[in-house]
Amino acid sequence: MRIENIKFGYDKKKNVLDGVSCAFRKGKVTSIIGPNGCGKSTLLGLCTRLYKPFSGAVFLDGRDIAEYGGKEFAKKAASVYQLNEVFSSDITVRALVSYGRTPHKKMFEPLNDRDEKIIDYAIEKTGLKEFENRRAAALSGGERQRVFLATALAQEPEILFLDEPTSFLDIYYQLEIMEIVRAVNREKGVTVVMVLHDINQAVKYGDDILVMKDGRVAASGEAKTTVTSALIKDVFGVDAELVSKENGETLFAASL
């Protein structure tokens, strides 16, 4: 996916995004980070066709995403948000996940054996097998987020967009979601673009990183080499010390 000189705002008086250009490498995980209000989620909304840019364009496989039909685009891209749509209180986990097959089916066309196998994969990959016949509304927040992720996986997307998928979750569920996302990327080659608040998670799980500030791209490149203490100071206004762990991983310890 390629973004070219996107400008967009929620009213005509001020641009939230002001000339953003970037690209997401096929088959890689890209983390998007930046301060609150810098335009991270807005950029994701433009990539998923929630919004239309004032100017510029988003291209997927060399084609402006505005030219895709609804189902055609849904076969290419799937999204999971931090706050997801309300669903029927009676719907089961498996029934909800099966909605992910909708872009691939004609109206009233029943699910076939291949559809069921894809649903099985999505449920098993997200650790929901024991919950598949339970009401989705009765699950915990972390479990529900896995259901929405499974529904997105059932779409068989080429590119998966995640908007702060670990917000409001405790650390166990945060890491669980991140591990699932990385496994799907590695096993299926799905391109992943995710907005995150946690810099250390963004670096650990991202191959690439896009750093935003004031509606513009502040930096981009490979995650482990692009994010530095100086960059964090410039973008977030905090001091960050780079700490090396015994297993070779590095993390940033921030302070005011």
C-alpha atoms as a PDB file:
ATOM      1  CA  MET A   1       0.000   0.000   0.000  1.00  0.00           C
ATOM      2  CA  ARG A   2       1.187   3.488  -0.876  1.00  0.00           C
ATOM      3  CA  ILE A   3      -0.072   6.840   0.448  1.00  0.00           C
ATOM      4  CA  GLU A   4       0.643   9.900  -1.669  1.00  0.00           C
ATOM      5  CA  ASN A   5       0.399  13.459  -0.314  1.00  0.00           C
ATOM      6  CA  ILE A   6      -2.776  12.911   1.727  1.00  0.00           C
ATOM      7  CA  LYS A   7      -4.474  15.958   3.184  1.00  0.00           C
ATOM      8  CA  PHE A   8      -7.529  15.551   5.392  1.00  0.00           C
ATOM      9  CA  GLY A   9      -9.407  17.208   8.244  1.00  0.00           C
ATOM     10  CA  TYR A  10     -12.729  16.828  10.005  1.00  0.00           C
ATOM     11  CA  ASP A  11     -13.695  20.283   8.840  1.00  0.00           C
ATOM     12  CA  LYS A  12     -12.401  22.543   6.101  1.00  0.00           C
ATOM     13  CA  LYS A  13     -10.619  24.890   8.507  1.00  0.00           C
ATOM     14  CA  LYS A  14      -7.800  22.646   9.667  1.00  0.00           C
ATOM     15  CA  ASN A  15      -5.981  19.624   8.261  1.00  0.00           C
ATOM     16  CA  VAL A  16      -5.418  16.741  10.668  1.00  0.00           C
ATOM     17  CA  LEU A  17      -3.127  15.202   8.060  1.00  0.00           C
ATOM     18  CA  ASP A  18      -1.080  17.680   6.069  1.00  0.00           C
ATOM     19  CA  GLY A  19       0.674  16.142   3.081  1.00  0.00           C
ATOM     20  CA  VAL A  20       1.369  12.628   4.381  1.00  0.00           C
ATOM     21  CA  SER A  21       3.231  10.268   2.060  1.00  0.00           C
ATOM     22  CA  CYS A  22       4.436   6.810   3.067  1.00  0.00           C
ATOM     23  CA  ALA A  23       4.313   3.142   2.090  1.00  0.00           C
ATOM     24  CA  PHE A  24       3.697  -0.161   3.866  1.00  0.00           C
ATOM     25  CA  ARG A  25       5.871  -3.046   2.720  1.00  0.00           C
ATOM     26  CA  LYS A  26       4.038  -6.126   1.498  1.00  0.00           C
ATOM     27  CA  GLY A  27       4.238  -9.046   3.927  1.00  0.00           C
ATOM     28  CA  LYS A  28       5.690  -6.929   6.736  1.00  0.00           C
ATOM     29  CA  VAL A  29       4.341  -5.550  10.031  1.00  0.00           C
ATOM     30  CA  THR A  30       4.327  -1.751  10.260  1.00  0.00           C
ATOM     31  CA  SER A  31       3.743  -0.022  13.595  1.00  0.00           C
ATOM     32  CA  ILE A  32       2.442   3.552  13.628  1.00  0.00           C
ATOM     33  CA  ILE A  33       3.231   5.602  16.735  1.00  0.00           C
ATOM     34  CA  GLY A  34       2.985   9.241  17.775  1.00  0.00           C
ATOM     35  CA  PRO A  35       1.436  11.562  20.386  1.00  0.00           C
ATOM     36  CA  ASN A  36      -2.311  11.780  20.902  1.00  0.00           C
ATOM     37  CA  GLY A  37      -3.967  13.817  18.167  1.00  0.00           C
ATOM     38  CA  CYS A  38      -1.105  13.499  15.678  1.00  0.00           C
ATOM     39  CA  GLY A  39      -3.284  11.739  13.077  1.00  0.00           C
ATOM     40  CA  LYS A  40      -2.426   8.047  13.546  1.00  0.00           C
ATOM     41  CA  SER A  41      -5.992   6.713  13.657  1.00  0.00           C
ATOM     42  CA  THR A  42      -7.081   9.234  11.037  1.00  0.00           C
ATOM     43  CA  LEU A  43      -4.461   7.853   8.653  1.00  0.00           C
ATOM     44  CA  LEU A  44      -5.736   4.332   9.299  1.00  0.00           C
ATOM     45  CA  GLY A  45      -9.290   5.528   8.654  1.00  0.00           C
ATOM     46  CA  LEU A  46      -8.224   6.853   5.261  1.00  0.00           C
ATOM     47  CA  CYS A  47      -6.484   3.564   4.441  1.00  0.00           C
ATOM     48  CA  THR A  48      -9.654   1.612   5.286  1.00  0.00           C
ATOM     49  CA  ARG A  49     -12.007   4.010   3.434  1.00  0.00           C
ATOM     50  CA  LEU A  50     -13.737   5.326   6.543  1.00  0.00           C
ATOM     51  CA  TYR A  51     -12.816   8.794   5.281  1.00  0.00           C
ATOM     52  CA  LYS A  52     -12.109  10.363   1.900  1.00  0.00           C
ATOM     53  CA  PRO A  53      -9.037  12.596   1.578  1.00  0.00           C
ATOM     54  CA  PHE A  54      -9.328  16.258   0.642  1.00  0.00           C
ATOM     55  CA  SER A  55      -6.444  15.644  -1.738  1.00  0.00           C
ATOM     56  CA  GLY A  56      -3.935  12.944  -2.475  1.00  0.00           C
ATOM     57  CA  ALA A  57      -4.721   9.234  -2.697  1.00  0.00           C
ATOM     58  CA  VAL A  58      -4.185   5.818  -1.145  1.00  0.00           C
ATOM     59  CA  PHE A  59      -3.113   3.034  -3.505  1.00  0.00           C
ATOM     60  CA  LEU A  60      -3.425  -0.704  -2.953  1.00  0.00           C
ATOM     61  CA  ASP A  61      -1.722  -2.944  -5.508  1.00  0.00           C
ATOM     62  CA  GLY A  62      -1.161   0.152  -7.621  1.00  0.00           C
ATOM     63  CA  ARG A  63      -4.842   1.111  -7.703  1.00  0.00           C
ATOM     64  CA  ASP A  64      -6.615   3.971  -5.935  1.00  0.00           C
ATOM     65  CA  ILE A  65      -8.690   2.383  -3.172  1.00  0.00           C
ATOM     66  CA  ALA A  66     -11.589   4.687  -4.099  1.00  0.00           C
ATOM     67  CA  GLU A  67     -11.940   2.653  -7.312  1.00  0.00           C
ATOM     68  CA  TYR A  68     -12.571  -0.653  -5.528  1.00  0.00           C
ATOM     69  CA  GLY A  69     -16.080  -2.003  -5.039  1.00  0.00           C
ATOM     70  CA  GLY A  70     -17.131  -2.676  -1.448  1.00  0.00           C
ATOM     71  CA  LYS A  71     -16.784  -6.458  -1.507  1.00  0.00           C
ATOM     72  CA  GLU A  72     -13.717  -6.249  -3.698  1.00  0.00           C
ATOM     73  CA  PHE A  73     -11.956  -4.049  -1.158  1.00  0.00           C
ATOM     74  CA  ALA A  74     -13.127  -6.233   1.749  1.00  0.00           C
ATOM     75  CA  LYS A  75     -11.415  -9.219   0.125  1.00  0.00           C
ATOM     76  CA  LYS A  76      -8.186  -7.221   0.175  1.00  0.00           C
ATOM     77  CA  ALA A  77      -8.318  -5.456   3.539  1.00  0.00           C
ATOM     78  CA  ALA A  78      -9.742  -6.093   7.012  1.00  0.00           C
ATOM     79  CA  SER A  79      -9.780  -3.907  10.120  1.00  0.00           C
ATOM     80  CA  VAL A  80      -9.952  -4.263  13.897  1.00  0.00           C
ATOM     81  CA  TYR A  81     -10.546  -1.173  16.032  1.00  0.00           C
ATOM     82  CA  GLN A  82     -10.108  -0.437  19.724  1.00  0.00           C
ATOM     83  CA  LEU A  83     -13.864   0.102  20.019  1.00  0.00           C
ATOM     84  CA  ASN A  84     -15.803  -2.313  17.832  1.00  0.00           C
ATOM     85  CA  GLU A  85     -19.408  -2.336  16.695  1.00  0.00           C
ATOM     86  CA  VAL A  86     -22.069  -3.586  19.064  1.00  0.00           C
ATOM     87  CA  PHE A  87     -23.372  -7.021  18.112  1.00  0.00           C
ATOM     88  CA  SER A  88     -26.483  -9.015  18.990  1.00  0.00           C
ATOM     89  CA  SER A  89     -26.416 -10.251  22.570  1.00  0.00           C
ATOM     90  CA  ASP A  90     -27.353 -13.753  21.399  1.00  0.00           C
ATOM     91  CA  ILE A  91     -24.809 -14.290  18.642  1.00  0.00           C
ATOM     92  CA  THR A  92     -22.225 -17.013  19.239  1.00  0.00           C
ATOM     93  CA  VAL A  93     -18.504 -16.623  18.707  1.00  0.00           C
ATOM     94  CA  ARG A  94     -18.520 -18.932  15.687  1.00  0.00           C
ATOM     95  CA  ALA A  95     -21.474 -17.157  14.090  1.00  0.00           C
ATOM     96  CA  LEU A  96     -19.773 -13.782  14.527  1.00  0.00           C
ATOM     97  CA  VAL A  97     -16.485 -15.024  13.083  1.00  0.00           C
ATOM     98  CA  SER A  98     -18.363 -16.501  10.113  1.00  0.00           C
ATOM     99  CA  TYR A  99     -19.384 -12.949   9.119  1.00  0.00           C
ATOM    100  CA  GLY A 100     -15.815 -12.576   7.927  1.00  0.00           C
ATOM    101  CA  ARG A 101     -16.709 -14.776   4.963  1.00  0.00           C
ATOM    102  CA  THR A 102     -19.400 -12.317   3.770  1.00  0.00           C
ATOM    103  CA  PRO A 103     -17.221 -10.569   1.131  1.00  0.00           C
ATOM    104  CA  HIS A 104     -16.577 -13.939  -0.489  1.00  0.00           C
ATOM    105  CA  LYS A 105     -20.227 -15.012  -0.696  1.00  0.00           C
ATOM    106  CA  LYS A 106     -23.213 -14.080  -2.819  1.00  0.00           C
ATOM    107  CA  MET A 107     -26.390 -12.977  -1.076  1.00  0.00           C
ATOM    108  CA  PHE A 108     -27.948 -15.928   0.821  1.00  0.00           C
ATOM    109  CA  GLU A 109     -25.193 -18.270  -0.395  1.00  0.00           C
ATOM    110  CA  PRO A 110     -24.472 -20.830   2.344  1.00  0.00           C
ATOM    111  CA  LEU A 111     -21.049 -21.510   3.767  1.00  0.00           C
ATOM    112  CA  ASN A 112     -19.200 -24.361   2.099  1.00  0.00           C
ATOM    113  CA  ASP A 113     -16.488 -26.703   3.390  1.00  0.00           C
ATOM    114  CA  ARG A 114     -13.714 -24.263   2.503  1.00  0.00           C
ATOM    115  CA  ASP A 115     -15.465 -21.459   4.383  1.00  0.00           C
ATOM    116  CA  GLU A 116     -15.789 -23.676   7.454  1.00  0.00           C
ATOM    117  CA  LYS A 117     -12.075 -24.590   7.324  1.00  0.00           C
ATOM    118  CA  ILE A 118     -11.109 -20.914   7.150  1.00  0.00           C
ATOM    119  CA  ILE A 119     -13.398 -20.149  10.114  1.00  0.00           C
ATOM    120  CA  ASP A 120     -11.838 -23.078  12.000  1.00  0.00           C
ATOM    121  CA  TYR A 121      -8.361 -21.671  11.329  1.00  0.00           C
ATOM    122  CA  ALA A 122      -9.335 -18.186  12.523  1.00  0.00           C
ATOM    123  CA  ILE A 123     -10.904 -19.537  15.712  1.00  0.00           C
ATOM    124  CA  GLU A 124      -8.015 -21.862  16.505  1.00  0.00           C
ATOM    125  CA  LYS A 125      -5.329 -19.280  15.713  1.00  0.00           C
ATOM    126  CA  THR A 126      -6.926 -16.787  18.114  1.00  0.00           C
ATOM    127  CA  GLY A 127      -7.368 -19.379  20.877  1.00  0.00           C
ATOM    128  CA  LEU A 128     -11.170 -19.316  20.812  1.00  0.00           C
ATOM    129  CA  LYS A 129     -11.947 -22.998  20.256  1.00  0.00           C
ATOM    130  CA  GLU A 130     -13.366 -23.493  23.745  1.00  0.00           C
ATOM    131  CA  PHE A 131     -15.548 -20.393  23.338  1.00  0.00           C
ATOM    132  CA  GLU A 132     -16.898 -20.924  19.815  1.00  0.00           C
ATOM    133  CA  ASN A 133     -20.406 -21.890  20.922  1.00  0.00           C
ATOM    134  CA  ARG A 134     -20.665 -19.304  23.682  1.00  0.00           C
ATOM    135  CA  ARG A 135     -22.374 -15.934  23.360  1.00  0.00           C
ATOM    136  CA  ALA A 136     -19.792 -13.366  22.271  1.00  0.00           C
ATOM    137  CA  ALA A 137     -21.390 -10.741  24.527  1.00  0.00           C
ATOM    138  CA  ALA A 138     -20.594 -12.870  27.592  1.00  0.00           C
ATOM    139  CA  LEU A 139     -16.846 -12.848  26.987  1.00  0.00           C
ATOM    140  CA  SER A 140     -14.240 -10.618  28.633  1.00  0.00           C
ATOM    141  CA  GLY A 141     -12.762  -7.608  26.847  1.00  0.00           C
ATOM    142  CA  GLY A 142      -9.624  -9.477  25.811  1.00  0.00           C
ATOM    143  CA  GLU A 143     -11.631 -12.451  24.583  1.00  0.00           C
ATOM    144  CA  ARG A 144     -13.973 -10.208  22.590  1.00  0.00           C
ATOM    145  CA  GLN A 145     -11.008  -8.509  20.942  1.00  0.00           C
ATOM    146  CA  ARG A 146      -9.773 -11.926  19.863  1.00  0.00           C
ATOM    147  CA  VAL A 147     -13.226 -12.602  18.364  1.00  0.00           C
ATOM    148  CA  PHE A 148     -13.033  -9.447  16.250  1.00  0.00           C
ATOM    149  CA  LEU A 149      -9.497 -10.359  15.209  1.00  0.00           C
ATOM    150  CA  ALA A 150     -10.708 -13.842  14.226  1.00  0.00           C
ATOM    151  CA  THR A 151     -13.531 -12.284  12.187  1.00  0.00           C
ATOM    152  CA  ALA A 152     -10.971 -10.165  10.340  1.00  0.00           C
ATOM    153  CA  LEU A 153      -8.784 -13.207   9.702  1.00  0.00           C
ATOM    154  CA  ALA A 154     -11.784 -15.082   8.292  1.00  0.00           C
ATOM    155  CA  GLN A 155     -11.903 -12.456   5.536  1.00  0.00           C
ATOM    156  CA  GLU A 156      -8.550 -13.793   4.304  1.00  0.00           C
ATOM    157  CA  PRO A 157      -7.235 -10.239   3.841  1.00  0.00           C
ATOM    158  CA  GLU A 158      -4.008  -9.373   2.118  1.00  0.00           C
ATOM    159  CA  ILE A 159      -3.584  -6.455   4.524  1.00  0.00           C
ATOM    160  CA  LEU A 160      -4.818  -6.221   8.123  1.00  0.00           C
ATOM    161  CA  PHE A 161      -5.306  -2.853   9.832  1.00  0.00           C
ATOM    162  CA  LEU A 162      -5.333  -2.672  13.628  1.00  0.00           C
ATOM    163  CA  ASP A 163      -6.227   0.564  15.408  1.00  0.00           C
ATOM    164  CA  GLU A 164      -4.935   0.392  18.973  1.00  0.00           C
ATOM    165  CA  PRO A 165      -6.066  -3.249  19.302  1.00  0.00           C
ATOM    166  CA  THR A 166      -4.635  -3.611  22.813  1.00  0.00           C
ATOM    167  CA  SER A 167      -6.190  -0.484  24.370  1.00  0.00           C
ATOM    168  CA  PHE A 168      -8.159  -1.145  27.579  1.00  0.00           C
ATOM    169  CA  LEU A 169      -6.595  -4.636  27.880  1.00  0.00           C
ATOM    170  CA  ASP A 170      -4.323  -5.801  30.682  1.00  0.00           C
ATOM    171  CA  ILE A 171      -0.729  -6.685  29.836  1.00  0.00           C
ATOM    172  CA  TYR A 172      -1.425 -10.423  29.432  1.00  0.00           C
ATOM    173  CA  TYR A 173      -4.086  -9.842  26.760  1.00  0.00           C
ATOM    174  CA  GLN A 174      -1.986  -7.139  25.111  1.00  0.00           C
ATOM    175  CA  LEU A 175       0.903  -9.541  24.591  1.00  0.00           C
ATOM    176  CA  GLU A 176      -1.472 -12.316  23.562  1.00  0.00           C
ATOM    177  CA  ILE A 177      -2.972 -10.179  20.785  1.00  0.00           C
ATOM    178  CA  MET A 178       0.479  -9.088  19.608  1.00  0.00           C
ATOM    179  CA  GLU A 179       1.750 -12.678  19.470  1.00  0.00           C
ATOM    180  CA  ILE A 180      -1.292 -13.745  17.436  1.00  0.00           C
ATOM    181  CA  VAL A 181      -0.783 -10.894  14.993  1.00  0.00           C
ATOM    182  CA  ARG A 182       2.884 -11.746  14.515  1.00  0.00           C
ATOM    183  CA  ALA A 183       2.110 -15.450  14.040  1.00  0.00           C
ATOM    184  CA  VAL A 184      -0.479 -14.719  11.351  1.00  0.00           C
ATOM    185  CA  ASN A 185       1.936 -12.390   9.585  1.00  0.00           C
ATOM    186  CA  ARG A 186       4.692 -15.010   9.591  1.00  0.00           C
ATOM    187  CA  GLU A 187       2.467 -17.969   8.654  1.00  0.00           C
ATOM    188  CA  LYS A 188       0.191 -16.367   6.074  1.00  0.00           C
ATOM    189  CA  GLY A 189       2.277 -13.449   4.822  1.00  0.00           C
ATOM    190  CA  VAL A 190      -0.506 -10.995   5.718  1.00  0.00           C
ATOM    191  CA  THR A 191       0.662  -7.385   5.657  1.00  0.00           C
ATOM    192  CA  VAL A 192      -0.127  -5.770   9.017  1.00  0.00           C
ATOM    193  CA  VAL A 193      -0.438  -2.050   9.748  1.00  0.00           C
ATOM    194  CA  MET A 194      -1.147  -1.254  13.395  1.00  0.00           C
ATOM    195  CA  VAL A 195      -1.495   1.897  15.452  1.00  0.00           C
ATOM    196  CA  LEU A 196       0.022   1.434  18.917  1.00  0.00           C
ATOM    197  CA  HIS A 197       0.648   3.606  21.963  1.00  0.00           C
ATOM    198  CA  ASP A 198       3.309   1.390  23.500  1.00  0.00           C
ATOM    199  CA  ILE A 199       6.658   2.242  21.891  1.00  0.00           C
ATOM    200  CA  ASN A 200       8.302  -0.956  23.097  1.00  0.00           C
ATOM    201  CA  GLN A 201       5.529  -3.127  21.643  1.00  0.00           C
ATOM    202  CA  ALA A 202       5.726  -1.141  18.399  1.00  0.00           C
ATOM    203  CA  VAL A 203       9.461  -1.826  18.089  1.00  0.00           C
ATOM    204  CA  LYS A 204       9.290  -5.450  19.253  1.00  0.00           C
ATOM    205  CA  TYR A 205       6.470  -6.553  16.965  1.00  0.00           C
ATOM    206  CA  GLY A 206       6.988  -4.209  14.019  1.00  0.00           C
ATOM    207  CA  ASP A 207       9.352  -4.854  11.127  1.00  0.00           C
ATOM    208  CA  ASP A 208       8.911  -1.220  10.101  1.00  0.00           C
ATOM    209  CA  ILE A 209       7.757   1.847  11.982  1.00  0.00           C
ATOM    210  CA  LEU A 210       6.053   5.097  11.011  1.00  0.00           C
ATOM    211  CA  VAL A 211       6.413   7.924  13.527  1.00  0.00           C
ATOM    212  CA  MET A 212       3.938  10.793  13.260  1.00  0.00           C
ATOM    213  CA  LYS A 213       3.874  14.282  14.747  1.00  0.00           C
ATOM    214  CA  ASP A 214       1.452  17.152  14.107  1.00  0.00           C
ATOM    215  CA  GLY A 215      -0.187  15.482  11.130  1.00  0.00           C
ATOM    216  CA  ARG A 216       3.061  14.718   9.337  1.00  0.00           C
ATOM    217  CA  VAL A 217       5.558  11.874   9.100  1.00  0.00           C
ATOM    218  CA  ALA A 218       8.399  12.544  11.538  1.00  0.00           C
ATOM    219  CA  ALA A 219      10.379   9.391  10.708  1.00  0.00           C
ATOM    220  CA  SER A 220       9.997   6.006   9.040  1.00  0.00           C
ATOM    221  CA  GLY A 221      12.117   2.927   8.459  1.00  0.00           C
ATOM    222  CA  GLU A 222      13.065  -0.340  10.113  1.00  0.00           C
ATOM    223  CA  ALA A 223      11.646  -0.397  13.629  1.00  0.00           C
ATOM    224  CA  LYS A 224      14.750  -1.445  15.513  1.00  0.00           C
ATOM    225  CA  THR A 225      17.000   1.213  13.991  1.00  0.00           C
ATOM    226  CA  THR A 226      14.629   4.129  13.394  1.00  0.00           C
ATOM    227  CA  VAL A 227      13.438   4.701  16.963  1.00  0.00           C
ATOM    228  CA  THR A 228      16.099   6.406  19.051  1.00  0.00           C
ATOM    229  CA  SER A 229      16.178   8.304  22.322  1.00  0.00           C
ATOM    230  CA  ALA A 230      16.603  11.539  20.384  1.00  0.00           C
ATOM    231  CA  LEU A 231      13.560  10.799  18.214  1.00  0.00           C
ATOM    232  CA  ILE A 232      11.405  10.004  21.252  1.00  0.00           C
ATOM    233  CA  LYS A 233      12.497  13.261  22.872  1.00  0.00           C
ATOM    234  CA  ASP A 234      11.629  15.237  19.750  1.00  0.00           C
ATOM    235  CA  VAL A 235       8.266  13.598  19.106  1.00  0.00           C
ATOM    236  CA  PHE A 236       6.951  12.863  22.607  1.00  0.00           C
ATOM    237  CA  GLY A 237       8.898  15.380  24.685  1.00  0.00           C
ATOM    238  CA  VAL A 238      10.204  12.797  27.152  1.00  0.00           C
ATOM    239  CA  ASP A 239      13.628  11.423  27.959  1.00  0.00           C
ATOM    240  CA  ALA A 240      14.058   7.761  27.029  1.00  0.00           C
ATOM    241  CA  GLU A 241      16.968   5.567  28.022  1.00  0.00           C
ATOM    242  CA  LEU A 242      17.730   2.546  25.847  1.00  0.00           C
ATOM    243  CA  VAL A 243      18.055  -0.596  27.982  1.00  0.00           C
ATOM    244  CA  SER A 244      19.464  -3.884  26.657  1.00  0.00           C
ATOM    245  CA  LYS A 245      18.103  -7.179  27.988  1.00  0.00           C
ATOM    246  CA  GLU A 246      20.013 -10.445  28.378  1.00  0.00           C
ATOM    247  CA  ASN A 247      18.083 -12.032  25.492  1.00  0.00           C
ATOM    248  CA  GLY A 248      19.313  -9.335  23.102  1.00  0.00           C
ATOM    249  CA  GLU A 249      16.083  -7.320  23.052  1.00  0.00           C
ATOM    250  CA  THR A 250      16.131  -3.611  23.778  1.00  0.00           C
ATOM    251  CA  LEU A 251      13.520  -1.389  25.331  1.00  0.00           C
ATOM    252  CA  PHE A 252      13.053   2.257  26.170  1.00  0.00           C
ATOM    253  CA  ALA A 253      12.578   3.440  29.760  1.00  0.00           C
ATOM    254  CA  ALA A 254      10.939   6.885  29.548  1.00  0.00           C
ATOM    255  CA  SER A 255      10.775   9.670  32.109  1.00  0.00           C
ATOM    256  CA  LEU A 256       9.759  13.334  32.206  1.00  0.00           C
END
